[in-house]
Every structure is written in C-alpha cells, then in structure tokens.
Amino acid sequence: MPTPPPKKFPVTKIIIITYILLFLVVALAGFFAGFMQKPIFKSSPTPQPSAIPIVTTAPNPLQSPSSSPQPSGALQPESQTKTITSTSNLDGFASSNGSGNNTVDIRAGRNTFAVTRGFVSFDLSSLPDKISVESANLRIYQTHMSGDPYSAGGTLKIDHMEFGEVLDGNDYALAPLQTNLATLSPNANIEWKEVDVTQALKEDIKNSRLRSQYRLRFSLETIGGESGGDFAYLESGENFVGTSNIPQLVVRYKN
C-alpha cells in the first residue's frame, strides 16, 4: 500500500507563528535591556531627627545655689520712722558729790560744790523685732542757761551708756559703753540740739538691750564759777520747764 504524502502546513499559519515568535523575542530583548540600565534598588536608611543642643548656663559664683532670683519688679520694703520719747524717771542729772535728781530737768555744768552731768533714756520696746536701722538721731531741747556754761566748759558732749532701770548719783562716774560719742551742742542757743547716734542704737539692738541711754557732760569739767553755777538746762521727759519739747530718739528703719 503506498505511503501517503505528508500533510503540508498552511502558509498562513506559518506566517502567524513567525510574527508571534518575533514579537516575543523583541519584547524579551526590551525587558532585559531596561533591567540592565536600572540601578539595583536599595532601601535608604530612615532619616534621624537632628539632636537638639543642650545649653548649660554656668552658675553664678556670687549666688547661693538655693537662692531664687528675685523678679526685677519685686517691691522693696519701705522705710519707716519711729519717734521714741524719753522715759521720765530715767532722765535728769547726777553730780560728782553723789547728789542728783530724776524728777526735774536735765542739766550739765558746775558750781562751787560739784560737777553735774545730765542723763536721758529711751525705751526700745516699741520698735519691731529684726529691723534694719538706717538712721537714729538724738534730739534734746536746750531751754535756758545759768552763768556761762559754754565759756567755762567748752562743748556739750554725749557718752553712750547703760545705767539700767534706775538713775542715781552713782551713775555720774559709771564707765560708759563709748565715751565722746558725739558733740550734742557747741553753744548756748535756745533750740533743739540734734546728733546722730545710729551706731550706738545698732549696738543696743545687737546686744538685746532694752533701752538706749546717754550721758551729757561738758568737755571741760572743773568745780568753781559763780555762786549760782554755770549750767545748761534741757527739757526732760517730765516736761519740767514746760516747753513740751520732750527728748526724742528718731529712728528710721526697714522691717
């Protein structure tokens, strides 16, 4: 039996298959060409936030670590003024012969029998605790003269004293806390005599004294003169002369 001839593949199908193969070849070539041109992808590291610089303030060597700075607008305590009048039974005079008086005027001078010194005292209990004293002025009113005390005795001085709660003749020669503290008066003018005693008052407060006390005496003290004596008289806490100008301690301070 004769062998049948092989079937012929249609030309049309061959053409179609050829086009498909060419398309696939071109597509694959384009893919590989693009793949080779692109860089290999690598993940970028996650960006980190930049560090905030820490500013350190150098400590002030003059400022205590525990102290808090005060606002510039903080209110400062205001100064206050207190006028203390003298204690009537603790002002007066004492003389070198042991005599004296604490119920009349304050006087200083001399006569043919003795030399006399004046005394004045101020009670500090009316001042607030823990104050800062800015100033203190002693004021005593000179009322009249007998004889010529300033010619005989020079200037009227004050001593800072602590004679306590009793004034008597023994206080004439009592040792002062400070002698020649200041000059109260250089002349016989009838007027207020005033002198700065700030440091003396500060010492009294520092040492917890109940009173601030002073002694008045002339810079030259000699027995003699006229029969009536040479004396300067000053108003006392008793208002003995009647001027109503009681001795004053004027204190300016802050709490």
C-alpha atoms as a PDB file:
ATOM      1  CA  MET A   1       0.000   0.000   0.000  1.00  0.00           C
ATOM      2  CA  PRO A   2       1.585   3.218  -0.955  1.00  0.00           C
ATOM      3  CA  THR A   3       2.679   5.713   1.774  1.00  0.00           C
ATOM      4  CA  PRO A   4       0.523   8.805   1.817  1.00  0.00           C
ATOM      5  CA  PRO A   5       2.354  12.073   1.186  1.00  0.00           C
ATOM      6  CA  PRO A   6       2.956  14.340   4.327  1.00  0.00           C
ATOM      7  CA  LYS A   7       0.452  16.998   5.030  1.00  0.00           C
ATOM      8  CA  LYS A   8       1.565  20.453   4.175  1.00  0.00           C
ATOM      9  CA  PHE A   9       1.352  23.087   6.985  1.00  0.00           C
ATOM     10  CA  PRO A  10      -0.627  26.010   5.727  1.00  0.00           C
ATOM     11  CA  VAL A  11       1.475  29.008   4.831  1.00  0.00           C
ATOM     12  CA  THR A  12      -0.846  31.360   6.641  1.00  0.00           C
ATOM     13  CA  LYS A  13      -0.336  29.636   9.978  1.00  0.00           C
ATOM     14  CA  ILE A  14       3.430  29.643   9.494  1.00  0.00           C
ATOM     15  CA  ILE A  15       3.383  33.396   8.990  1.00  0.00           C
ATOM     16  CA  ILE A  16       1.277  33.981  12.116  1.00  0.00           C
ATOM     17  CA  ILE A  17       3.511  31.807  14.288  1.00  0.00           C
ATOM     18  CA  THR A  18       6.579  33.611  12.922  1.00  0.00           C
ATOM     19  CA  TYR A  19       5.156  37.008  13.883  1.00  0.00           C
ATOM     20  CA  ILE A  20       4.336  35.749  17.365  1.00  0.00           C
ATOM     21  CA  LEU A  21       7.861  34.470  17.878  1.00  0.00           C
ATOM     22  CA  LEU A  22       9.371  37.725  16.630  1.00  0.00           C
ATOM     23  CA  PHE A  23       7.154  39.725  18.981  1.00  0.00           C
ATOM     24  CA  LEU A  24       8.225  37.600  21.912  1.00  0.00           C
ATOM     25  CA  VAL A  25      11.908  37.971  21.021  1.00  0.00           C
ATOM     26  CA  VAL A  26      11.603  41.766  20.712  1.00  0.00           C
ATOM     27  CA  ALA A  27       9.652  42.021  23.995  1.00  0.00           C
ATOM     28  CA  LEU A  28      12.185  39.915  25.872  1.00  0.00           C
ATOM     29  CA  ALA A  29      15.074  41.910  24.454  1.00  0.00           C
ATOM     30  CA  GLY A  30      13.477  45.193  25.561  1.00  0.00           C
ATOM     31  CA  PHE A  31      12.816  43.870  29.043  1.00  0.00           C
ATOM     32  CA  PHE A  32      16.396  42.724  29.565  1.00  0.00           C
ATOM     33  CA  ALA A  33      17.768  45.981  28.128  1.00  0.00           C
ATOM     34  CA  GLY A  34      15.676  48.079  30.610  1.00  0.00           C
ATOM     35  CA  PHE A  35      16.563  45.825  33.505  1.00  0.00           C
ATOM     36  CA  MET A  36      20.285  46.218  32.900  1.00  0.00           C
ATOM     37  CA  GLN A  37      20.020  50.058  32.746  1.00  0.00           C
ATOM     38  CA  LYS A  38      18.176  50.489  36.096  1.00  0.00           C
ATOM     39  CA  PRO A  39      20.217  50.539  39.306  1.00  0.00           C
ATOM     40  CA  ILE A  40      19.547  47.848  41.829  1.00  0.00           C
ATOM     41  CA  PHE A  41      17.068  49.280  44.450  1.00  0.00           C
ATOM     42  CA  LYS A  42      18.390  49.605  47.948  1.00  0.00           C
ATOM     43  CA  SER A  43      16.323  50.868  50.835  1.00  0.00           C
ATOM     44  CA  SER A  44      17.502  54.242  52.163  1.00  0.00           C
ATOM     45  CA  PRO A  45      18.171  54.435  55.888  1.00  0.00           C
ATOM     46  CA  THR A  46      15.403  56.079  57.925  1.00  0.00           C
ATOM     47  CA  PRO A  47      16.376  59.727  58.475  1.00  0.00           C
ATOM     48  CA  GLN A  48      17.084  60.506  62.137  1.00  0.00           C
ATOM     49  CA  PRO A  49      15.938  63.783  63.671  1.00  0.00           C
ATOM     50  CA  SER A  50      18.762  66.214  64.367  1.00  0.00           C
ATOM     51  CA  ALA A  51      19.780  66.415  68.018  1.00  0.00           C
ATOM     52  CA  ILE A  52      18.622  69.490  69.974  1.00  0.00           C
ATOM     53  CA  PRO A  53      21.676  71.181  71.500  1.00  0.00           C
ATOM     54  CA  ILE A  54      21.609  71.389  75.305  1.00  0.00           C
ATOM     55  CA  VAL A  55      22.508  74.849  76.587  1.00  0.00           C
ATOM     56  CA  THR A  56      24.057  74.856  80.031  1.00  0.00           C
ATOM     57  CA  THR A  57      24.172  78.113  81.998  1.00  0.00           C
ATOM     58  CA  ALA A  58      27.260  78.496  84.127  1.00  0.00           C
ATOM     59  CA  PRO A  59      26.370  79.038  87.827  1.00  0.00           C
ATOM     60  CA  ASN A  60      26.877  82.496  89.272  1.00  0.00           C
ATOM     61  CA  PRO A  61      29.633  82.173  91.891  1.00  0.00           C
ATOM     62  CA  LEU A  62      28.094  85.023  93.908  1.00  0.00           C
ATOM     63  CA  GLN A  63      24.671  83.428  94.121  1.00  0.00           C
ATOM     64  CA  SER A  64      23.772  80.703  96.569  1.00  0.00           C
ATOM     65  CA  PRO A  65      22.526  77.526  94.785  1.00  0.00           C
ATOM     66  CA  SER A  66      19.396  77.538  96.911  1.00  0.00           C
ATOM     67  CA  SER A  67      18.514  81.163  96.346  1.00  0.00           C
ATOM     68  CA  SER A  68      15.810  82.061  93.887  1.00  0.00           C
ATOM     69  CA  PRO A  69      16.279  85.078  91.646  1.00  0.00           C
ATOM     70  CA  GLN A  70      14.031  87.967  92.562  1.00  0.00           C
ATOM     71  CA  PRO A  71      11.895  89.452  89.800  1.00  0.00           C
ATOM     72  CA  SER A  72      13.111  92.859  88.749  1.00  0.00           C
ATOM     73  CA  GLY A  73       9.766  94.374  89.646  1.00  0.00           C
ATOM     74  CA  ALA A  74       9.629  92.961  93.185  1.00  0.00           C
ATOM     75  CA  LEU A  75       8.542  95.507  95.779  1.00  0.00           C
ATOM     76  CA  GLN A  76      11.187  96.506  98.289  1.00  0.00           C
ATOM     77  CA  PRO A  77      10.234  97.223 101.913  1.00  0.00           C
ATOM     78  CA  GLU A  78       9.625 100.904 102.558  1.00  0.00           C
ATOM     79  CA  SER A  79      11.475 102.853 105.225  1.00  0.00           C
ATOM     80  CA  GLN A  80       9.517 103.744 108.335  1.00  0.00           C
ATOM     81  CA  THR A  81      10.159 106.320 111.037  1.00  0.00           C
ATOM     82  CA  LYS A  82       9.520 105.876 114.756  1.00  0.00           C
ATOM     83  CA  THR A  83       9.912 108.695 117.292  1.00  0.00           C
ATOM     84  CA  ILE A  84      10.528 107.466 120.848  1.00  0.00           C
ATOM     85  CA  THR A  85      10.245 109.958 123.705  1.00  0.00           C
ATOM     86  CA  SER A  86      12.418 109.689 126.800  1.00  0.00           C
ATOM     87  CA  THR A  87      11.429 107.792 129.951  1.00  0.00           C
ATOM     88  CA  SER A  88      10.621 110.448 132.537  1.00  0.00           C
ATOM     89  CA  ASN A  89      12.025 108.732 135.637  1.00  0.00           C
ATOM     90  CA  LEU A  90      15.254 107.813 133.831  1.00  0.00           C
ATOM     91  CA  ASP A  91      16.310 111.272 132.752  1.00  0.00           C
ATOM     92  CA  GLY A  92      17.663 114.029 134.978  1.00  0.00           C
ATOM     93  CA  PHE A  93      21.156 114.627 136.411  1.00  0.00           C
ATOM     94  CA  ALA A  94      23.815 113.284 138.776  1.00  0.00           C
ATOM     95  CA  SER A  95      26.690 115.193 140.385  1.00  0.00           C
ATOM     96  CA  SER A  96      30.232 114.447 141.483  1.00  0.00           C
ATOM     97  CA  ASN A  97      29.304 114.846 145.181  1.00  0.00           C
ATOM     98  CA  GLY A  98      26.761 111.991 144.944  1.00  0.00           C
ATOM     99  CA  SER A  99      23.670 114.169 144.637  1.00  0.00           C
ATOM    100  CA  GLY A 100      21.210 114.118 141.734  1.00  0.00           C
ATOM    101  CA  ASN A 101      17.578 114.220 140.669  1.00  0.00           C
ATOM    102  CA  ASN A 102      15.392 112.275 138.216  1.00  0.00           C
ATOM    103  CA  THR A 103      12.186 114.299 138.619  1.00  0.00           C
ATOM    104  CA  VAL A 104      13.205 117.717 137.317  1.00  0.00           C
ATOM    105  CA  ASP A 105      15.146 118.938 134.266  1.00  0.00           C
ATOM    106  CA  ILE A 106      18.239 117.594 132.514  1.00  0.00           C
ATOM    107  CA  ARG A 107      21.282 119.739 133.277  1.00  0.00           C
ATOM    108  CA  ALA A 108      25.052 119.771 132.858  1.00  0.00           C
ATOM    109  CA  GLY A 109      27.683 122.159 134.239  1.00  0.00           C
ATOM    110  CA  ARG A 110      29.370 123.051 137.517  1.00  0.00           C
ATOM    111  CA  ASN A 111      29.183 125.169 140.653  1.00  0.00           C
ATOM    112  CA  THR A 112      31.383 125.723 143.673  1.00  0.00           C
ATOM    113  CA  PHE A 113      30.370 122.338 145.151  1.00  0.00           C
ATOM    114  CA  ALA A 114      30.289 119.810 142.280  1.00  0.00           C
ATOM    115  CA  VAL A 115      30.318 118.993 138.593  1.00  0.00           C
ATOM    116  CA  THR A 116      26.974 117.869 137.161  1.00  0.00           C
ATOM    117  CA  ARG A 117      26.152 115.549 134.247  1.00  0.00           C
ATOM    118  CA  GLY A 118      22.799 115.008 132.540  1.00  0.00           C
ATOM    119  CA  PHE A 119      21.162 111.682 131.600  1.00  0.00           C
ATOM    120  CA  VAL A 120      18.470 110.575 129.133  1.00  0.00           C
ATOM    121  CA  SER A 121      16.972 107.149 128.404  1.00  0.00           C
ATOM    122  CA  PHE A 122      14.747 105.697 125.651  1.00  0.00           C
ATOM    123  CA  ASP A 123      12.680 102.514 125.906  1.00  0.00           C
ATOM    124  CA  LEU A 124      13.192 100.365 122.772  1.00  0.00           C
ATOM    125  CA  SER A 125      10.245  98.014 123.289  1.00  0.00           C
ATOM    126  CA  SER A 126       8.091  99.893 120.760  1.00  0.00           C
ATOM    127  CA  LEU A 127      10.472  99.029 117.890  1.00  0.00           C
ATOM    128  CA  PRO A 128       9.548  95.931 115.808  1.00  0.00           C
ATOM    129  CA  ASP A 129      11.771  92.856 116.004  1.00  0.00           C
ATOM    130  CA  LYS A 130      14.524  92.227 113.445  1.00  0.00           C
ATOM    131  CA  ILE A 131      14.613  95.694 111.948  1.00  0.00           C
ATOM    132  CA  SER A 132      17.385  97.173 109.838  1.00  0.00           C
ATOM    133  CA  VAL A 133      18.234 100.579 111.292  1.00  0.00           C
ATOM    134  CA  GLU A 134      19.023 103.191 108.656  1.00  0.00           C
ATOM    135  CA  SER A 135      19.491 106.164 110.980  1.00  0.00           C
ATOM    136  CA  ALA A 136      18.902 107.296 114.551  1.00  0.00           C
ATOM    137  CA  ASN A 137      19.004 110.889 115.803  1.00  0.00           C
ATOM    138  CA  LEU A 138      19.004 112.042 119.409  1.00  0.00           C
ATOM    139  CA  ARG A 139      17.116 115.350 119.871  1.00  0.00           C
ATOM    140  CA  ILE A 140      17.077 117.344 123.129  1.00  0.00           C
ATOM    141  CA  TYR A 141      15.706 120.853 123.559  1.00  0.00           C
ATOM    142  CA  GLN A 142      18.006 123.344 125.344  1.00  0.00           C
ATOM    143  CA  THR A 143      15.773 125.677 127.399  1.00  0.00           C
ATOM    144  CA  HIS A 144      17.986 128.199 129.271  1.00  0.00           C
ATOM    145  CA  MET A 145      21.336 128.887 130.967  1.00  0.00           C
ATOM    146  CA  SER A 146      22.621 129.953 134.346  1.00  0.00           C
ATOM    147  CA  GLY A 147      26.016 131.618 134.367  1.00  0.00           C
ATOM    148  CA  ASP A 148      28.176 130.937 131.305  1.00  0.00           C
ATOM    149  CA  PRO A 149      28.497 127.146 130.957  1.00  0.00           C
ATOM    150  CA  TYR A 150      29.892 127.067 127.399  1.00  0.00           C
ATOM    151  CA  SER A 151      32.695 129.514 128.243  1.00  0.00           C
ATOM    152  CA  ALA A 152      33.512 127.501 131.365  1.00  0.00           C
ATOM    153  CA  GLY A 153      33.013 124.026 129.963  1.00  0.00           C
ATOM    154  CA  GLY A 154      33.566 124.112 126.194  1.00  0.00           C
ATOM    155  CA  THR A 155      31.157 121.935 124.204  1.00  0.00           C
ATOM    156  CA  LEU A 156      28.411 119.623 125.425  1.00  0.00           C
ATOM    157  CA  LYS A 157      29.383 116.007 124.733  1.00  0.00           C
ATOM    158  CA  ILE A 158      27.441 112.746 124.962  1.00  0.00           C
ATOM    159  CA  ASP A 159      28.565 109.306 126.122  1.00  0.00           C
ATOM    160  CA  HIS A 160      26.792 106.053 125.211  1.00  0.00           C
ATOM    161  CA  MET A 161      25.676 104.459 128.477  1.00  0.00           C
ATOM    162  CA  GLU A 162      23.945 101.505 130.081  1.00  0.00           C
ATOM    163  CA  PHE A 163      22.805 102.618 133.525  1.00  0.00           C
ATOM    164  CA  GLY A 164      19.733 100.375 133.616  1.00  0.00           C
ATOM    165  CA  GLU A 165      16.313 100.934 135.130  1.00  0.00           C
ATOM    166  CA  VAL A 166      17.369 103.307 137.923  1.00  0.00           C
ATOM    167  CA  LEU A 167      19.120 106.694 137.718  1.00  0.00           C
ATOM    168  CA  ASP A 168      21.010 107.799 140.834  1.00  0.00           C
ATOM    169  CA  GLY A 169      24.121 109.664 141.951  1.00  0.00           C
ATOM    170  CA  ASN A 170      26.390 106.652 141.298  1.00  0.00           C
ATOM    171  CA  ASP A 171      25.822 106.981 137.550  1.00  0.00           C
ATOM    172  CA  TYR A 172      27.904 110.171 137.473  1.00  0.00           C
ATOM    173  CA  ALA A 173      31.134 108.131 137.380  1.00  0.00           C
ATOM    174  CA  LEU A 174      29.730 104.990 135.696  1.00  0.00           C
ATOM    175  CA  ALA A 175      32.007 103.700 132.919  1.00  0.00           C
ATOM    176  CA  PRO A 176      30.403 104.397 129.513  1.00  0.00           C
ATOM    177  CA  LEU A 177      29.916 101.946 126.649  1.00  0.00           C
ATOM    178  CA  GLN A 178      31.547 104.640 124.500  1.00  0.00           C
ATOM    179  CA  THR A 179      32.922 107.956 125.657  1.00  0.00           C
ATOM    180  CA  ASN A 180      32.832 111.088 123.481  1.00  0.00           C
ATOM    181  CA  LEU A 181      30.279 109.541 121.160  1.00  0.00           C
ATOM    182  CA  ALA A 182      29.477 112.953 119.663  1.00  0.00           C
ATOM    183  CA  THR A 183      29.075 116.670 120.348  1.00  0.00           C
ATOM    184  CA  LEU A 184      25.481 117.480 121.177  1.00  0.00           C
ATOM    185  CA  SER A 185      25.821 121.275 121.391  1.00  0.00           C
ATOM    186  CA  PRO A 186      28.600 123.825 120.809  1.00  0.00           C
ATOM    187  CA  ASN A 187      26.686 126.893 122.009  1.00  0.00           C
ATOM    188  CA  ALA A 188      24.055 128.386 124.323  1.00  0.00           C
ATOM    189  CA  ASN A 189      21.347 128.833 121.666  1.00  0.00           C
ATOM    190  CA  ILE A 190      17.812 128.053 122.876  1.00  0.00           C
ATOM    191  CA  GLU A 191      16.804 125.382 120.363  1.00  0.00           C
ATOM    192  CA  TRP A 192      16.668 121.686 119.547  1.00  0.00           C
ATOM    193  CA  LYS A 193      20.082 120.065 119.758  1.00  0.00           C
ATOM    194  CA  GLU A 194      20.410 117.047 117.478  1.00  0.00           C
ATOM    195  CA  VAL A 195      23.112 114.432 116.918  1.00  0.00           C
ATOM    196  CA  ASP A 196      23.482 111.159 115.002  1.00  0.00           C
ATOM    197  CA  VAL A 197      23.507 108.080 117.289  1.00  0.00           C
ATOM    198  CA  THR A 198      22.896 105.428 114.613  1.00  0.00           C
ATOM    199  CA  GLN A 199      25.837 103.232 115.532  1.00  0.00           C
ATOM    200  CA  ALA A 200      25.023 103.374 119.241  1.00  0.00           C
ATOM    201  CA  LEU A 201      21.434 102.285 118.629  1.00  0.00           C
ATOM    202  CA  LYS A 202      22.576  99.449 116.360  1.00  0.00           C
ATOM    203  CA  GLU A 203      24.846  98.235 119.161  1.00  0.00           C
ATOM    204  CA  ASP A 204      21.968  98.383 121.645  1.00  0.00           C
ATOM    205  CA  ILE A 205      19.728  96.310 119.361  1.00  0.00           C
ATOM    206  CA  LYS A 206      22.519  93.864 118.529  1.00  0.00           C
ATOM    207  CA  ASN A 207      23.147  93.259 122.247  1.00  0.00           C
ATOM    208  CA  SER A 208      19.420  92.969 123.052  1.00  0.00           C
ATOM    209  CA  ARG A 209      19.419  95.990 125.358  1.00  0.00           C
ATOM    210  CA  LEU A 210      16.003  97.178 126.484  1.00  0.00           C
ATOM    211  CA  ARG A 211      16.994 100.842 126.435  1.00  0.00           C
ATOM    212  CA  SER A 212      19.228 103.255 124.567  1.00  0.00           C
ATOM    213  CA  GLN A 213      20.824 105.556 127.163  1.00  0.00           C
ATOM    214  CA  TYR A 214      23.122 108.593 127.044  1.00  0.00           C
ATOM    215  CA  ARG A 215      25.026 110.916 129.379  1.00  0.00           C
ATOM    216  CA  LEU A 216      25.549 114.643 128.709  1.00  0.00           C
ATOM    217  CA  ARG A 217      28.662 116.431 130.029  1.00  0.00           C
ATOM    218  CA  PHE A 218      30.873 119.357 129.166  1.00  0.00           C
ATOM    219  CA  SER A 219      34.265 118.688 127.630  1.00  0.00           C
ATOM    220  CA  LEU A 220      35.905 120.683 130.494  1.00  0.00           C
ATOM    221  CA  GLU A 221      34.729 119.858 133.999  1.00  0.00           C
ATOM    222  CA  THR A 222      36.072 121.881 136.940  1.00  0.00           C
ATOM    223  CA  ILE A 223      34.445 122.893 140.214  1.00  0.00           C
ATOM    224  CA  GLY A 224      34.051 126.665 140.668  1.00  0.00           C
ATOM    225  CA  GLY A 225      32.476 129.590 138.953  1.00  0.00           C
ATOM    226  CA  GLU A 226      29.778 131.858 140.214  1.00  0.00           C
ATOM    227  CA  SER A 227      27.727 131.084 143.307  1.00  0.00           C
ATOM    228  CA  GLY A 228      24.738 130.109 141.181  1.00  0.00           C
ATOM    229  CA  GLY A 229      26.879 127.916 138.943  1.00  0.00           C
ATOM    230  CA  ASP A 230      27.340 127.592 135.201  1.00  0.00           C
ATOM    231  CA  PHE A 231      24.675 125.219 133.883  1.00  0.00           C
ATOM    232  CA  ALA A 232      22.934 124.364 130.628  1.00  0.00           C
ATOM    233  CA  TYR A 233      19.341 123.228 131.176  1.00  0.00           C
ATOM    234  CA  LEU A 234      17.464 120.918 128.799  1.00  0.00           C
ATOM    235  CA  GLU A 235      13.846 119.749 128.764  1.00  0.00           C
ATOM    236  CA  SER A 236      13.177 116.372 130.387  1.00  0.00           C
ATOM    237  CA  GLY A 237      10.573 113.648 129.990  1.00  0.00           C
ATOM    238  CA  GLU A 238       8.668 115.270 132.845  1.00  0.00           C
ATOM    239  CA  ASN A 239       8.318 118.447 130.725  1.00  0.00           C
ATOM    240  CA  PHE A 240       9.636 120.218 133.835  1.00  0.00           C
ATOM    241  CA  VAL A 241      10.382 123.549 132.120  1.00  0.00           C
ATOM    242  CA  GLY A 242       7.042 123.402 130.286  1.00  0.00           C
ATOM    243  CA  THR A 243       8.169 123.622 126.651  1.00  0.00           C
ATOM    244  CA  SER A 244       6.511 120.285 125.682  1.00  0.00           C
ATOM    245  CA  ASN A 245       9.694 119.546 123.718  1.00  0.00           C
ATOM    246  CA  ILE A 246      10.333 116.144 125.270  1.00  0.00           C
ATOM    247  CA  PRO A 247      13.681 114.447 124.369  1.00  0.00           C
ATOM    248  CA  GLN A 248      13.342 112.274 121.252  1.00  0.00           C
ATOM    249  CA  LEU A 249      15.094 109.355 119.618  1.00  0.00           C
ATOM    250  CA  VAL A 250      14.052 109.435 115.951  1.00  0.00           C
ATOM    251  CA  VAL A 251      14.653 106.052 114.295  1.00  0.00           C
ATOM    252  CA  ARG A 252      14.419 105.354 110.577  1.00  0.00           C
ATOM    253  CA  TYR A 253      14.331 101.647 109.721  1.00  0.00           C
ATOM    254  CA  LYS A 254      13.127  98.845 107.442  1.00  0.00           C
ATOM    255  CA  ASN A 255      11.483  95.578 108.501  1.00  0.00           C
END
